[in-house]
Each structure stands twice: as structure tokens, then as C-alpha cells.
Amino acid sequence: MTELLENYSLSTKPKKKKGVLQKVGIVGCGLMGQEITLEISKHGIDVVFIDVSESKIKKIMASMSVHLDEIIDKWGLTVSEKRAILSRIKGSTDYSQLKDCNLIIESINTKKRGTSYEKRQEIFREIEKHVSRDTVITSNTATLMISEISKVLKYPERSVGVHFISPVRKVKILEVVKGEKTANWAFEFVGRFATMINKTVINLHESPGNISTRMIIPLINEACEILMEGVATIESIDITMKEASGHEFGPFEMADRIGLDMILKMMDNLYQKFGDQKFKPSPIIILLVRANCIGLKAGKGFYKYEDGKAIPLCLKDLFSIELKKIIKS
């Protein structure tokens, strides 16, 4: 029977077709990486993520499980759907597990301030060792240039810049950037991937910050200025912006969700690139990051997160004696 199948160019094992998306690899599975992983798996695509240790992988899987439970509690998902989503996700420390992936999304989160070009380039080189010639390699970055990251590749034409916006499951767009050497086939492949996960592609010319980050960062900075001037409280500013703009989150809520450490890096990168005061980090952002009050993932930022509730801090809390000591040290 096998011989007969072979005569008709068939096989007992399905062959991978070029240009067909069957599996996605994620390198770096922090909070954003987890959001991306869950969104891709939700649409029936297998995902393998790479992270630094087995203990970290267990924590990531547990975190994603909790995140899905929260969606179930809000009637946004069923228990069986949760099981199906998690069954399509595998974690590993071994880059060779990326070998069958058609698309790779680098989504690391470095704690170090400033650009992370060298680290991302190192990861791109490692990815390329393990994937096929036609695998598309992308970087999920808000402020860095894909042309600079991908210049270390043997085949930089396979690289594309992407930017998922949090909350990934609700934001229906994907910013997609062509690098200097990006080939049309790679760019179009990412476009088909976006369609598969129900995202609308926003095509961009390469520029740090794309659209979303260049708009969001000045908004957060201006909210900090209003707060420091004593015009209004954190809660009042957030409520006003949500009602006036129709956004799901106010600027402080948004900053806490993204992570104030990430916000600070974005501000540093944009200010370094453009030299415009609107991108210069607010003293409040610097102060909170130095105190490790970096938002939702740390349990405290502009809000304090306790028992599932977000409690807004007052200006006095932000400039407490403990924080002042940290700045002086």
C-alpha cells in the first residue's frame, strides 16, 4: 500500500509546504511574549517558545494558564478552549526545537537600559543556525530598527519587523516594517500570518517607534507632567483620557501594563534618536523604575495591585522617603 501511495507522489507523512504556516517559534516569553503565544495558539497554530531555564518555562506555562482562567471568569473563553490552546504550546531551552518553524518572533525583554541591539543580534544569529533557509525571522520591537538587528544574518532578506500592541487579544492591528533588505516574499508571508490570527496589517516605513509608540510615549509623559503639577490625580487623569478618547486604558494604566521598565527603555531610545523633549523620560518614570515599581508584573507601579484590584497611588506615595533614598544612592 505504501508503494502504491509513493507511485502517486503521496506519502504516509504530510510534507511541509513552502510558504505554508504550520508552526511559530517565540524567543523570549515574558508578558508580551506570552500574550503573543496565546493569541497565535488560539487561532489553531502550534507554538514553541524558547526561554532561559526549565524553571522559567514552568512559570511561563503557569502564568499563561492563570491568564486564560481570568478570561474564562469573564466569559471570554471555555475550559475546553483553554485546554486546546495550551496543548498547542511547548516550551524549551533548546534552539534546535525551532527547526520546524516557518516563522520566528524574537520577543526578548532585557532589564538593561538603552538599546539591546547586540543581544538581539546574538539571538538572530542563533536562530538562523537552526531554521530552514525560507523561515522568516522577525523581531517584536517598538523602537529598534529591524535593518540594524538583521544585518548579522546570512540571509537578511528573510527578516521583518513586527510590533504587537498590548492587550494583544483585543488590539486588531499589527505594525509591520520592511527592513532595508527585506524581500517581498518575507513581507507578504508576515501579512498572511497576520490574517490567520485576525490582525490588520499596518504597513510602515522603517522608523523608531513606528506609529503607536511614538504616539503613546508623549501621552504618558504629558500625564506625568499633569500629575507632578498637582492638576489631577492618577485616577482622574486615567478616567478622563478613557472617556475623552475611547481608549480601554488611561495613560497610567497603560504604562503599568506595558511595564515602566519597558516604557523607560522606549523613552531612552526615542530621545536618543530624535532628541525631542517630548520623548525625554519623566522623573516619575525614572524614580519608579529605580524602586522596582515597574507596574502590573511587579504588583506596584502607578497603581498598587492587591487581590485583583488596582489601587491608584497619590503623588505623596510616589515621592516617599524610601524612593528618595533610592535616587540618592
C-alpha atoms as a PDB file:
ATOM      1  CA  MET A   1       0.000   0.000   0.000  1.00  0.00           C
ATOM      2  CA  THR A   2       2.867   2.369   0.862  1.00  0.00           C
ATOM      3  CA  GLU A   3       4.473   1.578  -2.502  1.00  0.00           C
ATOM      4  CA  LEU A   4       1.210   2.449  -4.258  1.00  0.00           C
ATOM      5  CA  LEU A   5       0.952   5.755  -2.452  1.00  0.00           C
ATOM      6  CA  GLU A   6       4.527   6.605  -3.406  1.00  0.00           C
ATOM      7  CA  ASN A   7       3.745   5.899  -7.046  1.00  0.00           C
ATOM      8  CA  TYR A   8       1.148   8.644  -6.920  1.00  0.00           C
ATOM      9  CA  SER A   9       3.559  11.080  -5.217  1.00  0.00           C
ATOM     10  CA  LEU A  10       1.746  10.677  -1.923  1.00  0.00           C
ATOM     11  CA  SER A  11       3.232   9.852   1.445  1.00  0.00           C
ATOM     12  CA  THR A  12       2.113   8.384   4.696  1.00  0.00           C
ATOM     13  CA  LYS A  13       3.605  11.505   6.325  1.00  0.00           C
ATOM     14  CA  PRO A  14       2.455  15.017   5.350  1.00  0.00           C
ATOM     15  CA  LYS A  15       5.212  17.120   3.794  1.00  0.00           C
ATOM     16  CA  LYS A  16       5.854  20.696   4.830  1.00  0.00           C
ATOM     17  CA  LYS A  17       4.925  23.037   2.009  1.00  0.00           C
ATOM     18  CA  LYS A  18       6.986  26.122   1.339  1.00  0.00           C
ATOM     19  CA  GLY A  19       5.101  29.288   2.219  1.00  0.00           C
ATOM     20  CA  VAL A  20       2.610  27.455   4.436  1.00  0.00           C
ATOM     21  CA  LEU A  21       2.460  28.471   8.091  1.00  0.00           C
ATOM     22  CA  GLN A  22       2.275  25.429  10.358  1.00  0.00           C
ATOM     23  CA  LYS A  23       4.353  26.362  13.392  1.00  0.00           C
ATOM     24  CA  VAL A  24       5.632  29.549  15.020  1.00  0.00           C
ATOM     25  CA  GLY A  25       8.619  29.957  17.312  1.00  0.00           C
ATOM     26  CA  ILE A  26       8.812  32.606  20.038  1.00  0.00           C
ATOM     27  CA  VAL A  27      12.185  33.526  21.536  1.00  0.00           C
ATOM     28  CA  GLY A  28      11.696  35.296  24.865  1.00  0.00           C
ATOM     29  CA  CYS A  29       8.387  34.653  26.590  1.00  0.00           C
ATOM     30  CA  GLY A  30       7.899  37.473  29.065  1.00  0.00           C
ATOM     31  CA  LEU A  31       4.481  39.076  29.475  1.00  0.00           C
ATOM     32  CA  MET A  32       4.344  40.279  25.869  1.00  0.00           C
ATOM     33  CA  GLY A  33       5.748  37.014  24.569  1.00  0.00           C
ATOM     34  CA  GLN A  34       3.038  35.182  26.487  1.00  0.00           C
ATOM     35  CA  GLU A  35       0.301  37.363  25.023  1.00  0.00           C
ATOM     36  CA  ILE A  36       1.634  36.715  21.513  1.00  0.00           C
ATOM     37  CA  THR A  37       1.971  32.976  22.163  1.00  0.00           C
ATOM     38  CA  LEU A  38      -1.603  32.639  23.430  1.00  0.00           C
ATOM     39  CA  GLU A  39      -3.031  34.677  20.565  1.00  0.00           C
ATOM     40  CA  ILE A  40      -1.282  32.544  17.950  1.00  0.00           C
ATOM     41  CA  SER A  41      -2.263  29.260  19.598  1.00  0.00           C
ATOM     42  CA  LYS A  42      -5.850  30.466  19.959  1.00  0.00           C
ATOM     43  CA  HIS A  43      -6.052  30.500  16.165  1.00  0.00           C
ATOM     44  CA  GLY A  44      -5.020  26.852  15.859  1.00  0.00           C
ATOM     45  CA  ILE A  45      -1.287  27.291  15.179  1.00  0.00           C
ATOM     46  CA  ASP A  46       1.363  25.300  17.052  1.00  0.00           C
ATOM     47  CA  VAL A  47       3.848  27.401  19.036  1.00  0.00           C
ATOM     48  CA  VAL A  48       7.196  26.570  20.608  1.00  0.00           C
ATOM     49  CA  PHE A  49       8.777  29.193  22.848  1.00  0.00           C
ATOM     50  CA  ILE A  50      12.403  29.407  23.926  1.00  0.00           C
ATOM     51  CA  ASP A  51      13.433  30.741  27.317  1.00  0.00           C
ATOM     52  CA  VAL A  52      16.415  30.608  29.640  1.00  0.00           C
ATOM     53  CA  SER A  53      15.654  27.711  32.017  1.00  0.00           C
ATOM     54  CA  GLU A  54      13.256  24.856  32.730  1.00  0.00           C
ATOM     55  CA  SER A  55      12.086  26.576  35.913  1.00  0.00           C
ATOM     56  CA  LYS A  56      11.304  29.717  33.922  1.00  0.00           C
ATOM     57  CA  ILE A  57       9.379  27.645  31.373  1.00  0.00           C
ATOM     58  CA  LYS A  58       7.222  26.146  34.152  1.00  0.00           C
ATOM     59  CA  LYS A  59       6.483  29.625  35.493  1.00  0.00           C
ATOM     60  CA  ILE A  60       5.587  30.854  31.998  1.00  0.00           C
ATOM     61  CA  MET A  61       3.159  27.966  31.427  1.00  0.00           C
ATOM     62  CA  ALA A  62       1.586  28.576  34.830  1.00  0.00           C
ATOM     63  CA  SER A  63       1.291  32.293  34.097  1.00  0.00           C
ATOM     64  CA  MET A  64      -0.411  31.646  30.756  1.00  0.00           C
ATOM     65  CA  SER A  65      -2.807  29.222  32.446  1.00  0.00           C
ATOM     66  CA  VAL A  66      -3.759  31.857  35.019  1.00  0.00           C
ATOM     67  CA  HIS A  67      -4.214  34.441  32.258  1.00  0.00           C
ATOM     68  CA  LEU A  68      -6.625  32.134  30.430  1.00  0.00           C
ATOM     69  CA  ASP A  69      -8.518  31.486  33.687  1.00  0.00           C
ATOM     70  CA  GLU A  70      -9.049  35.228  34.024  1.00  0.00           C
ATOM     71  CA  ILE A  71     -10.555  35.307  30.531  1.00  0.00           C
ATOM     72  CA  ILE A  72     -12.768  32.312  31.399  1.00  0.00           C
ATOM     73  CA  ASP A  73     -14.016  34.170  34.504  1.00  0.00           C
ATOM     74  CA  LYS A  74     -15.160  36.991  32.208  1.00  0.00           C
ATOM     75  CA  TRP A  75     -16.973  34.545  29.899  1.00  0.00           C
ATOM     76  CA  GLY A  76     -14.451  35.128  27.128  1.00  0.00           C
ATOM     77  CA  LEU A  77     -13.317  31.517  26.859  1.00  0.00           C
ATOM     78  CA  THR A  78     -14.409  27.984  27.790  1.00  0.00           C
ATOM     79  CA  VAL A  79     -12.420  25.448  29.793  1.00  0.00           C
ATOM     80  CA  SER A  80     -12.146  23.153  26.756  1.00  0.00           C
ATOM     81  CA  GLU A  81     -10.851  26.041  24.635  1.00  0.00           C
ATOM     82  CA  LYS A  82      -8.220  26.740  27.293  1.00  0.00           C
ATOM     83  CA  ARG A  83      -7.066  23.104  27.172  1.00  0.00           C
ATOM     84  CA  ALA A  84      -6.836  23.233  23.378  1.00  0.00           C
ATOM     85  CA  ILE A  85      -4.810  26.462  23.441  1.00  0.00           C
ATOM     86  CA  LEU A  86      -2.297  25.159  25.993  1.00  0.00           C
ATOM     87  CA  SER A  87      -1.985  21.808  24.183  1.00  0.00           C
ATOM     88  CA  ARG A  88      -0.550  23.605  21.151  1.00  0.00           C
ATOM     89  CA  ILE A  89       2.176  25.359  23.204  1.00  0.00           C
ATOM     90  CA  LYS A  90       5.532  23.844  24.084  1.00  0.00           C
ATOM     91  CA  GLY A  91       8.450  25.439  25.920  1.00  0.00           C
ATOM     92  CA  SER A  92      12.154  24.645  25.607  1.00  0.00           C
ATOM     93  CA  THR A  93      15.626  25.978  26.340  1.00  0.00           C
ATOM     94  CA  ASP A  94      16.943  24.353  23.153  1.00  0.00           C
ATOM     95  CA  TYR A  95      17.025  26.479  19.982  1.00  0.00           C
ATOM     96  CA  SER A  96      17.034  23.312  17.858  1.00  0.00           C
ATOM     97  CA  GLN A  97      13.330  22.988  18.704  1.00  0.00           C
ATOM     98  CA  LEU A  98      12.760  25.866  16.269  1.00  0.00           C
ATOM     99  CA  LYS A  99      13.846  23.758  13.283  1.00  0.00           C
ATOM    100  CA  ASP A 100      10.295  23.055  12.035  1.00  0.00           C
ATOM    101  CA  CYS A 101       9.038  26.613  12.477  1.00  0.00           C
ATOM    102  CA  ASN A 102       8.010  28.670   9.453  1.00  0.00           C
ATOM    103  CA  LEU A 103       8.070  31.950  11.387  1.00  0.00           C
ATOM    104  CA  ILE A 104      10.148  33.089  14.357  1.00  0.00           C
ATOM    105  CA  ILE A 105       9.233  36.044  16.574  1.00  0.00           C
ATOM    106  CA  GLU A 106      12.035  37.333  18.797  1.00  0.00           C
ATOM    107  CA  SER A 107      10.392  38.979  21.802  1.00  0.00           C
ATOM    108  CA  ILE A 108      13.052  39.332  24.495  1.00  0.00           C
ATOM    109  CA  ASN A 109      12.768  41.732  27.404  1.00  0.00           C
ATOM    110  CA  THR A 110      16.146  42.889  28.685  1.00  0.00           C
ATOM    111  CA  LYS A 111      16.388  44.673  32.033  1.00  0.00           C
ATOM    112  CA  LYS A 112      19.315  46.792  30.925  1.00  0.00           C
ATOM    113  CA  ARG A 113      18.535  50.393  29.928  1.00  0.00           C
ATOM    114  CA  GLY A 114      19.269  51.585  26.429  1.00  0.00           C
ATOM    115  CA  THR A 115      19.216  49.721  23.139  1.00  0.00           C
ATOM    116  CA  SER A 116      19.548  45.940  23.053  1.00  0.00           C
ATOM    117  CA  TYR A 117      20.914  45.595  19.516  1.00  0.00           C
ATOM    118  CA  GLU A 118      23.825  43.343  20.449  1.00  0.00           C
ATOM    119  CA  LYS A 119      21.642  40.917  22.418  1.00  0.00           C
ATOM    120  CA  ARG A 120      19.026  40.734  19.679  1.00  0.00           C
ATOM    121  CA  GLN A 121      21.686  40.260  17.017  1.00  0.00           C
ATOM    122  CA  GLU A 122      23.166  37.415  19.050  1.00  0.00           C
ATOM    123  CA  ILE A 123      19.724  35.788  19.205  1.00  0.00           C
ATOM    124  CA  PHE A 124      19.146  36.273  15.458  1.00  0.00           C
ATOM    125  CA  ARG A 125      22.453  34.525  14.711  1.00  0.00           C
ATOM    126  CA  GLU A 126      21.495  31.630  16.988  1.00  0.00           C
ATOM    127  CA  ILE A 127      18.044  31.308  15.420  1.00  0.00           C
ATOM    128  CA  GLU A 128      19.484  31.200  11.912  1.00  0.00           C
ATOM    129  CA  LYS A 129      21.694  28.219  12.841  1.00  0.00           C
ATOM    130  CA  HIS A 130      18.645  26.057  13.499  1.00  0.00           C
ATOM    131  CA  VAL A 131      15.973  27.044  10.967  1.00  0.00           C
ATOM    132  CA  SER A 132      15.493  26.385   7.274  1.00  0.00           C
ATOM    133  CA  ARG A 133      16.518  28.819   4.541  1.00  0.00           C
ATOM    134  CA  ASP A 134      12.951  30.037   3.964  1.00  0.00           C
ATOM    135  CA  THR A 135      11.986  30.571   7.625  1.00  0.00           C
ATOM    136  CA  VAL A 136      11.010  34.187   8.254  1.00  0.00           C
ATOM    137  CA  ILE A 137      12.715  35.756  11.285  1.00  0.00           C
ATOM    138  CA  THR A 138      11.049  38.747  12.935  1.00  0.00           C
ATOM    139  CA  SER A 139      11.658  40.959  15.938  1.00  0.00           C
ATOM    140  CA  ASN A 140       8.804  42.301  18.023  1.00  0.00           C
ATOM    141  CA  THR A 141      10.252  45.724  18.765  1.00  0.00           C
ATOM    142  CA  ALA A 142       8.744  49.144  19.322  1.00  0.00           C
ATOM    143  CA  THR A 143      11.763  51.407  18.948  1.00  0.00           C
ATOM    144  CA  LEU A 144      14.631  49.467  17.333  1.00  0.00           C
ATOM    145  CA  MET A 145      15.413  49.122  13.626  1.00  0.00           C
ATOM    146  CA  ILE A 146      14.982  45.695  12.038  1.00  0.00           C
ATOM    147  CA  SER A 147      17.663  46.596   9.458  1.00  0.00           C
ATOM    148  CA  GLU A 148      20.206  47.013  12.258  1.00  0.00           C
ATOM    149  CA  ILE A 149      19.182  43.832  14.107  1.00  0.00           C
ATOM    150  CA  SER A 150      19.147  41.652  10.991  1.00  0.00           C
ATOM    151  CA  LYS A 151      22.422  42.780   9.438  1.00  0.00           C
ATOM    152  CA  VAL A 152      24.181  39.881  11.200  1.00  0.00           C
ATOM    153  CA  LEU A 153      22.114  37.289   9.321  1.00  0.00           C
ATOM    154  CA  LYS A 154      23.482  35.341   6.352  1.00  0.00           C
ATOM    155  CA  TYR A 155      20.129  35.950   4.685  1.00  0.00           C
ATOM    156  CA  PRO A 156      18.833  39.321   5.979  1.00  0.00           C
ATOM    157  CA  GLU A 157      16.154  39.364   3.268  1.00  0.00           C
ATOM    158  CA  ARG A 158      14.173  36.911   5.448  1.00  0.00           C
ATOM    159  CA  SER A 159      13.841  39.462   8.290  1.00  0.00           C
ATOM    160  CA  VAL A 160      10.786  41.599   9.034  1.00  0.00           C
ATOM    161  CA  GLY A 161       9.961  43.986  11.869  1.00  0.00           C
ATOM    162  CA  VAL A 162       6.676  43.445  13.708  1.00  0.00           C
ATOM    163  CA  HIS A 163       5.059  45.164  16.648  1.00  0.00           C
ATOM    164  CA  PHE A 164       2.208  43.607  18.604  1.00  0.00           C
ATOM    165  CA  ILE A 165       0.316  46.046  20.823  1.00  0.00           C
ATOM    166  CA  SER A 166      -0.967  45.033  24.262  1.00  0.00           C
ATOM    167  CA  PRO A 167      -3.535  43.711  25.004  1.00  0.00           C
ATOM    168  CA  VAL A 168      -2.769  41.509  22.001  1.00  0.00           C
ATOM    169  CA  ARG A 169      -6.056  39.605  22.113  1.00  0.00           C
ATOM    170  CA  LYS A 170      -8.046  42.842  21.784  1.00  0.00           C
ATOM    171  CA  VAL A 171      -5.903  45.078  19.553  1.00  0.00           C
ATOM    172  CA  LYS A 172      -6.742  44.131  15.970  1.00  0.00           C
ATOM    173  CA  ILE A 173      -3.705  45.604  14.227  1.00  0.00           C
ATOM    174  CA  LEU A 174      -0.112  44.502  13.702  1.00  0.00           C
ATOM    175  CA  GLU A 175       2.538  47.054  12.758  1.00  0.00           C
ATOM    176  CA  VAL A 176       4.796  45.507  10.101  1.00  0.00           C
ATOM    177  CA  VAL A 177       8.068  47.045   8.930  1.00  0.00           C
ATOM    178  CA  LYS A 178      10.263  46.254   5.944  1.00  0.00           C
ATOM    179  CA  GLY A 179      13.996  46.481   6.580  1.00  0.00           C
ATOM    180  CA  GLU A 180      16.495  47.691   4.011  1.00  0.00           C
ATOM    181  CA  LYS A 181      16.982  44.154   2.678  1.00  0.00           C
ATOM    182  CA  THR A 182      13.591  42.599   3.442  1.00  0.00           C
ATOM    183  CA  ALA A 183      12.336  40.553   0.488  1.00  0.00           C
ATOM    184  CA  ASN A 184       8.752  40.885  -0.735  1.00  0.00           C
ATOM    185  CA  TRP A 185       8.102  37.179  -0.113  1.00  0.00           C
ATOM    186  CA  ALA A 186       9.026  37.526   3.585  1.00  0.00           C
ATOM    187  CA  PHE A 187       6.940  40.671   3.986  1.00  0.00           C
ATOM    188  CA  GLU A 188       3.951  39.012   2.305  1.00  0.00           C
ATOM    189  CA  PHE A 189       4.370  35.909   4.460  1.00  0.00           C
ATOM    190  CA  VAL A 190       4.013  38.020   7.608  1.00  0.00           C
ATOM    191  CA  GLY A 191       0.922  39.591   6.077  1.00  0.00           C
ATOM    192  CA  ARG A 192      -0.659  36.155   5.601  1.00  0.00           C
ATOM    193  CA  PHE A 193       0.269  35.256   9.179  1.00  0.00           C
ATOM    194  CA  ALA A 194      -1.455  38.429  10.421  1.00  0.00           C
ATOM    195  CA  THR A 195      -4.613  37.468   8.531  1.00  0.00           C
ATOM    196  CA  MET A 196      -4.543  33.995  10.105  1.00  0.00           C
ATOM    197  CA  ILE A 197      -4.588  35.490  13.610  1.00  0.00           C
ATOM    198  CA  ASN A 198      -7.222  38.073  12.668  1.00  0.00           C
ATOM    199  CA  LYS A 199      -4.965  41.141  12.638  1.00  0.00           C
ATOM    200  CA  THR A 200      -4.984  44.002  10.150  1.00  0.00           C
ATOM    201  CA  VAL A 201      -1.501  44.829   8.874  1.00  0.00           C
ATOM    202  CA  ILE A 202      -0.327  48.424   9.208  1.00  0.00           C
ATOM    203  CA  ASN A 203       2.494  48.759   6.671  1.00  0.00           C
ATOM    204  CA  LEU A 204       5.198  51.156   7.817  1.00  0.00           C
ATOM    205  CA  HIS A 205       8.392  52.712   6.541  1.00  0.00           C
ATOM    206  CA  GLU A 206      11.178  51.943   8.979  1.00  0.00           C
ATOM    207  CA  SER A 207      11.359  54.496  11.789  1.00  0.00           C
ATOM    208  CA  PRO A 208      11.949  54.074  15.546  1.00  0.00           C
ATOM    209  CA  GLY A 209       8.664  53.995  17.433  1.00  0.00           C
ATOM    210  CA  ASN A 210       6.501  53.166  14.422  1.00  0.00           C
ATOM    211  CA  ILE A 211       3.106  54.854  14.895  1.00  0.00           C
ATOM    212  CA  SER A 212       1.814  53.507  18.192  1.00  0.00           C
ATOM    213  CA  THR A 213       4.883  54.012  20.400  1.00  0.00           C
ATOM    214  CA  ARG A 214       5.633  57.491  19.072  1.00  0.00           C
ATOM    215  CA  MET A 215       2.063  58.489  19.952  1.00  0.00           C
ATOM    216  CA  ILE A 216       1.831  56.674  23.300  1.00  0.00           C
ATOM    217  CA  ILE A 217       5.135  57.836  24.834  1.00  0.00           C
ATOM    218  CA  PRO A 218       4.392  61.606  24.693  1.00  0.00           C
ATOM    219  CA  LEU A 219       0.919  60.864  26.098  1.00  0.00           C
ATOM    220  CA  ILE A 220       2.390  59.087  29.128  1.00  0.00           C
ATOM    221  CA  ASN A 221       4.995  61.822  29.612  1.00  0.00           C
ATOM    222  CA  GLU A 222       2.342  64.545  29.496  1.00  0.00           C
ATOM    223  CA  ALA A 223       0.197  62.632  32.001  1.00  0.00           C
ATOM    224  CA  CYS A 224       3.228  62.584  34.322  1.00  0.00           C
ATOM    225  CA  GLU A 225       3.634  66.363  33.899  1.00  0.00           C
ATOM    226  CA  ILE A 226      -0.024  66.958  34.802  1.00  0.00           C
ATOM    227  CA  LEU A 227       0.403  64.723  37.847  1.00  0.00           C
ATOM    228  CA  MET A 228       3.589  66.489  39.009  1.00  0.00           C
ATOM    229  CA  GLU A 229       1.939  69.890  38.635  1.00  0.00           C
ATOM    230  CA  GLY A 230      -0.793  68.741  41.013  1.00  0.00           C
ATOM    231  CA  VAL A 231      -3.543  69.360  38.462  1.00  0.00           C
ATOM    232  CA  ALA A 232      -5.187  65.965  38.978  1.00  0.00           C
ATOM    233  CA  THR A 233      -4.713  62.526  40.491  1.00  0.00           C
ATOM    234  CA  ILE A 234      -3.623  59.378  38.671  1.00  0.00           C
ATOM    235  CA  GLU A 235      -7.172  58.024  38.712  1.00  0.00           C
ATOM    236  CA  SER A 236      -8.703  61.281  37.434  1.00  0.00           C
ATOM    237  CA  ILE A 237      -6.242  61.519  34.551  1.00  0.00           C
ATOM    238  CA  ASP A 238      -6.877  57.920  33.533  1.00  0.00           C
ATOM    239  CA  ILE A 239     -10.671  58.244  33.730  1.00  0.00           C
ATOM    240  CA  THR A 240     -10.623  61.472  31.725  1.00  0.00           C
ATOM    241  CA  MET A 241      -8.497  60.029  28.932  1.00  0.00           C
ATOM    242  CA  LYS A 242     -10.574  56.856  28.712  1.00  0.00           C
ATOM    243  CA  GLU A 243     -13.829  58.791  28.473  1.00  0.00           C
ATOM    244  CA  ALA A 244     -12.471  61.503  26.175  1.00  0.00           C
ATOM    245  CA  SER A 245     -10.605  59.232  23.763  1.00  0.00           C
ATOM    246  CA  GLY A 246     -12.472  55.952  23.958  1.00  0.00           C
ATOM    247  CA  HIS A 247      -9.294  54.081  24.919  1.00  0.00           C
ATOM    248  CA  GLU A 248      -9.634  50.957  27.040  1.00  0.00           C
ATOM    249  CA  PHE A 249      -6.852  52.133  29.378  1.00  0.00           C
ATOM    250  CA  GLY A 250      -5.710  55.519  30.620  1.00  0.00           C
ATOM    251  CA  PRO A 251      -2.029  56.537  30.248  1.00  0.00           C
ATOM    252  CA  PHE A 252      -1.011  55.330  33.716  1.00  0.00           C
ATOM    253  CA  GLU A 253      -2.906  52.047  33.409  1.00  0.00           C
ATOM    254  CA  MET A 254      -1.305  51.561  30.005  1.00  0.00           C
ATOM    255  CA  ALA A 255       2.176  52.287  31.372  1.00  0.00           C
ATOM    256  CA  ASP A 256       1.704  49.767  34.187  1.00  0.00           C
ATOM    257  CA  ARG A 257       0.525  47.096  31.740  1.00  0.00           C
ATOM    258  CA  ILE A 258       3.425  47.629  29.354  1.00  0.00           C
ATOM    259  CA  GLY A 259       5.883  47.814  32.259  1.00  0.00           C
ATOM    260  CA  LEU A 260       7.577  51.012  33.396  1.00  0.00           C
ATOM    261  CA  ASP A 261      10.990  49.460  32.735  1.00  0.00           C
ATOM    262  CA  MET A 262       9.931  48.937  29.117  1.00  0.00           C
ATOM    263  CA  ILE A 263       8.456  52.440  28.935  1.00  0.00           C
ATOM    264  CA  LEU A 264      11.742  53.890  30.186  1.00  0.00           C
ATOM    265  CA  LYS A 265      13.712  51.973  27.536  1.00  0.00           C
ATOM    266  CA  MET A 266      11.350  53.199  24.818  1.00  0.00           C
ATOM    267  CA  MET A 267      11.733  56.776  26.031  1.00  0.00           C
ATOM    268  CA  ASP A 268      15.521  56.472  26.163  1.00  0.00           C
ATOM    269  CA  ASN A 269      15.671  55.029  22.646  1.00  0.00           C
ATOM    270  CA  LEU A 270      13.352  57.615  21.108  1.00  0.00           C
ATOM    271  CA  TYR A 271      15.026  60.520  22.903  1.00  0.00           C
ATOM    272  CA  GLN A 272      18.441  59.272  21.774  1.00  0.00           C
ATOM    273  CA  LYS A 273      17.198  59.001  18.195  1.00  0.00           C
ATOM    274  CA  PHE A 274      15.173  62.214  17.848  1.00  0.00           C
ATOM    275  CA  GLY A 275      16.463  64.457  20.668  1.00  0.00           C
ATOM    276  CA  ASP A 276      12.935  65.772  21.226  1.00  0.00           C
ATOM    277  CA  GLN A 277      11.912  66.730  24.786  1.00  0.00           C
ATOM    278  CA  LYS A 278       8.555  65.014  24.380  1.00  0.00           C
ATOM    279  CA  PHE A 279      10.408  61.674  24.480  1.00  0.00           C
ATOM    280  CA  LYS A 280      12.686  62.521  27.442  1.00  0.00           C
ATOM    281  CA  PRO A 281      11.811  60.231  30.383  1.00  0.00           C
ATOM    282  CA  SER A 282       9.719  61.859  33.099  1.00  0.00           C
ATOM    283  CA  PRO A 283      11.412  61.975  36.536  1.00  0.00           C
ATOM    284  CA  ILE A 284       8.486  59.970  37.930  1.00  0.00           C
ATOM    285  CA  ILE A 285       9.126  57.121  35.485  1.00  0.00           C
ATOM    286  CA  ILE A 286      12.837  57.067  36.390  1.00  0.00           C
ATOM    287  CA  LEU A 287      12.039  57.176  40.099  1.00  0.00           C
ATOM    288  CA  LEU A 288       9.579  54.274  39.961  1.00  0.00           C
ATOM    289  CA  VAL A 289      11.857  52.062  37.867  1.00  0.00           C
ATOM    290  CA  ARG A 290      14.768  52.628  40.272  1.00  0.00           C
ATOM    291  CA  ALA A 291      12.469  51.492  43.075  1.00  0.00           C
ATOM    292  CA  ASN A 292      11.486  48.395  41.053  1.00  0.00           C
ATOM    293  CA  CYS A 293       7.908  49.662  40.962  1.00  0.00           C
ATOM    294  CA  ILE A 294       7.573  48.714  37.317  1.00  0.00           C
ATOM    295  CA  GLY A 295       3.852  48.097  37.045  1.00  0.00           C
ATOM    296  CA  LEU A 296       1.480  45.160  36.921  1.00  0.00           C
ATOM    297  CA  LYS A 297       4.167  42.470  36.694  1.00  0.00           C
ATOM    298  CA  ALA A 298       5.769  43.738  39.926  1.00  0.00           C
ATOM    299  CA  GLY A 299       2.481  44.340  41.755  1.00  0.00           C
ATOM    300  CA  LYS A 300       3.136  48.059  42.003  1.00  0.00           C
ATOM    301  CA  GLY A 301       3.658  50.985  39.646  1.00  0.00           C
ATOM    302  CA  PHE A 302       1.341  53.951  39.306  1.00  0.00           C
ATOM    303  CA  TYR A 303      -1.182  51.582  40.872  1.00  0.00           C
ATOM    304  CA  LYS A 304      -0.807  49.032  43.639  1.00  0.00           C
ATOM    305  CA  TYR A 305      -2.251  45.645  42.689  1.00  0.00           C
ATOM    306  CA  GLU A 306      -3.812  43.664  45.534  1.00  0.00           C
ATOM    307  CA  ASP A 307      -6.363  40.834  45.404  1.00  0.00           C
ATOM    308  CA  GLY A 308      -7.167  41.548  41.781  1.00  0.00           C
ATOM    309  CA  LYS A 309      -7.788  45.241  42.441  1.00  0.00           C
ATOM    310  CA  ALA A 310      -5.815  48.243  41.186  1.00  0.00           C
ATOM    311  CA  ILE A 311      -5.405  50.963  43.825  1.00  0.00           C
ATOM    312  CA  PRO A 312      -4.096  54.279  42.465  1.00  0.00           C
ATOM    313  CA  LEU A 313      -1.180  55.819  44.344  1.00  0.00           C
ATOM    314  CA  CYS A 314      -1.051  59.505  45.228  1.00  0.00           C
ATOM    315  CA  LEU A 315       1.828  61.869  44.443  1.00  0.00           C
ATOM    316  CA  LYS A 316       2.952  61.643  48.067  1.00  0.00           C
ATOM    317  CA  ASP A 317       3.327  57.864  47.696  1.00  0.00           C
ATOM    318  CA  LEU A 318       5.405  58.271  44.550  1.00  0.00           C
ATOM    319  CA  PHE A 319       7.835  60.640  46.248  1.00  0.00           C
ATOM    320  CA  SER A 320       8.058  58.776  49.549  1.00  0.00           C
ATOM    321  CA  ILE A 321      11.195  58.866  51.687  1.00  0.00           C
ATOM    322  CA  GLU A 322      12.148  55.345  50.577  1.00  0.00           C
ATOM    323  CA  LEU A 323      12.120  56.315  46.913  1.00  0.00           C
ATOM    324  CA  LYS A 324      14.132  59.472  47.561  1.00  0.00           C
ATOM    325  CA  LYS A 325      16.798  57.376  49.291  1.00  0.00           C
ATOM    326  CA  ILE A 326      16.988  55.110  46.245  1.00  0.00           C
ATOM    327  CA  ILE A 327      17.560  58.090  43.948  1.00  0.00           C
ATOM    328  CA  LYS A 328      20.376  59.420  46.155  1.00  0.00           C
ATOM    329  CA  SER A 329      22.112  56.050  46.424  1.00  0.00           C
END
